[in-house]
């Protein structure tokens, strides 16, 4: 079996904390978080084909490290 790779700069502890955070959110908290993201003028939410996700993530990483 192939070993799962962590996102660059992330630890298992950080991933577990993020999972716990989302697992313990109420539906109202989830909705408020989504509403806040939609209202953020510096962010865009969009639907993209799943097969493009790896390329999109690489593009975002290049932009963040530039």
C-alpha atoms as a PDB file:
ATOM      1  CA  UNK A   1       0.000   0.000   0.000  1.00  0.00           C
ATOM      2  CA  UNK A   2       1.236   3.491  -0.873  1.00  0.00           C
ATOM      3  CA  UNK A   3       2.056   5.699   2.115  1.00  0.00           C
ATOM      4  CA  UNK A   4      -0.156   8.779   2.301  1.00  0.00           C
ATOM      5  CA  UNK A   5       1.728  12.079   1.975  1.00  0.00           C
ATOM      6  CA  UNK A   6       0.923  15.033   4.205  1.00  0.00           C
ATOM      7  CA  UNK A   7       0.408  18.479   2.705  1.00  0.00           C
ATOM      8  CA  UNK A   8       3.646  20.502   2.705  1.00  0.00           C
ATOM      9  CA  UNK A   9       4.301  21.936   6.160  1.00  0.00           C
ATOM     10  CA  UNK A  10       1.555  19.918   7.893  1.00  0.00           C
ATOM     11  CA  UNK A  11       1.919  17.406  10.712  1.00  0.00           C
ATOM     12  CA  UNK A  12      -0.333  14.495  11.669  1.00  0.00           C
ATOM     13  CA  UNK A  13      -1.288  16.457  14.787  1.00  0.00           C
ATOM     14  CA  UNK A  14      -2.434  19.467  12.747  1.00  0.00           C
ATOM     15  CA  UNK A  15      -4.496  17.267  10.450  1.00  0.00           C
ATOM     16  CA  UNK A  16      -6.138  15.525  13.404  1.00  0.00           C
ATOM     17  CA  UNK A  17      -6.925  18.891  15.039  1.00  0.00           C
ATOM     18  CA  UNK A  18      -8.514  20.131  11.797  1.00  0.00           C
ATOM     19  CA  UNK A  19     -10.568  16.939  11.454  1.00  0.00           C
ATOM     20  CA  UNK A  20     -11.690  17.226  15.080  1.00  0.00           C
ATOM     21  CA  UNK A  21     -12.653  20.869  14.550  1.00  0.00           C
ATOM     22  CA  UNK A  22     -14.883  20.044  11.589  1.00  0.00           C
ATOM     23  CA  UNK A  23     -16.281  16.875  13.173  1.00  0.00           C
ATOM     24  CA  UNK A  24     -17.437  18.870  16.199  1.00  0.00           C
ATOM     25  CA  UNK A  25     -19.026  21.810  14.340  1.00  0.00           C
ATOM     26  CA  UNK A  26     -22.768  22.246  14.445  1.00  0.00           C
ATOM     27  CA  UNK A  27     -24.665  22.710  11.188  1.00  0.00           C
ATOM     28  CA  UNK A  28     -25.146  26.363  12.124  1.00  0.00           C
ATOM     29  CA  UNK A  29     -21.393  26.841  12.623  1.00  0.00           C
ATOM     30  CA  UNK A  30     -20.697  25.135   9.296  1.00  0.00           C
ATOM     31  CA  UNK A  31     -23.200  27.401   7.530  1.00  0.00           C
ATOM     32  CA  UNK A  32     -21.715  30.520   9.156  1.00  0.00           C
ATOM     33  CA  UNK A  33     -18.226  29.486   8.047  1.00  0.00           C
ATOM     34  CA  UNK A  34     -19.428  28.968   4.464  1.00  0.00           C
ATOM     35  CA  UNK A  35     -21.269  32.312   4.489  1.00  0.00           C
ATOM     36  CA  UNK A  36     -18.129  34.072   5.726  1.00  0.00           C
ATOM     37  CA  UNK A  37     -16.063  32.484   2.949  1.00  0.00           C
ATOM     38  CA  UNK A  38     -18.581  33.560   0.312  1.00  0.00           C
ATOM     39  CA  UNK A  39     -18.553  37.118   1.657  1.00  0.00           C
ATOM     40  CA  UNK A  40     -14.716  37.316   1.606  1.00  0.00           C
ATOM     41  CA  UNK A  41     -13.810  39.506  -1.361  1.00  0.00           C
ATOM     42  CA  UNK A  42     -10.337  37.910  -1.551  1.00  0.00           C
ATOM     43  CA  UNK A  43     -11.669  34.372  -2.061  1.00  0.00           C
ATOM     44  CA  UNK A  44     -13.682  32.625  -4.757  1.00  0.00           C
ATOM     45  CA  UNK A  45     -15.688  29.429  -4.403  1.00  0.00           C
ATOM     46  CA  UNK A  46     -16.255  27.413  -7.551  1.00  0.00           C
ATOM     47  CA  UNK A  47     -17.000  23.943  -8.756  1.00  0.00           C
ATOM     48  CA  UNK A  48     -14.247  22.327 -10.825  1.00  0.00           C
ATOM     49  CA  UNK A  49     -13.834  18.864 -12.323  1.00  0.00           C
ATOM     50  CA  UNK A  50     -12.251  16.515  -9.780  1.00  0.00           C
ATOM     51  CA  UNK A  51      -9.496  15.482 -12.172  1.00  0.00           C
ATOM     52  CA  UNK A  52      -8.219  19.092 -12.194  1.00  0.00           C
ATOM     53  CA  UNK A  53      -7.733  19.288  -8.415  1.00  0.00           C
ATOM     54  CA  UNK A  54      -4.070  18.114  -8.409  1.00  0.00           C
ATOM     55  CA  UNK A  55      -3.143  20.756 -10.988  1.00  0.00           C
ATOM     56  CA  UNK A  56      -5.069  23.470  -9.142  1.00  0.00           C
ATOM     57  CA  UNK A  57      -3.362  22.573  -5.858  1.00  0.00           C
ATOM     58  CA  UNK A  58       0.053  22.753  -7.561  1.00  0.00           C
ATOM     59  CA  UNK A  59      -0.809  26.173  -8.976  1.00  0.00           C
ATOM     60  CA  UNK A  60      -1.883  27.442  -5.549  1.00  0.00           C
ATOM     61  CA  UNK A  61       1.291  26.083  -3.948  1.00  0.00           C
ATOM     62  CA  UNK A  62       3.482  27.765  -6.593  1.00  0.00           C
ATOM     63  CA  UNK A  63       1.644  31.062  -6.027  1.00  0.00           C
ATOM     64  CA  UNK A  64       2.057  30.831  -2.225  1.00  0.00           C
ATOM     65  CA  UNK A  65       5.786  30.032  -2.403  1.00  0.00           C
ATOM     66  CA  UNK A  66       6.536  32.728  -5.010  1.00  0.00           C
END
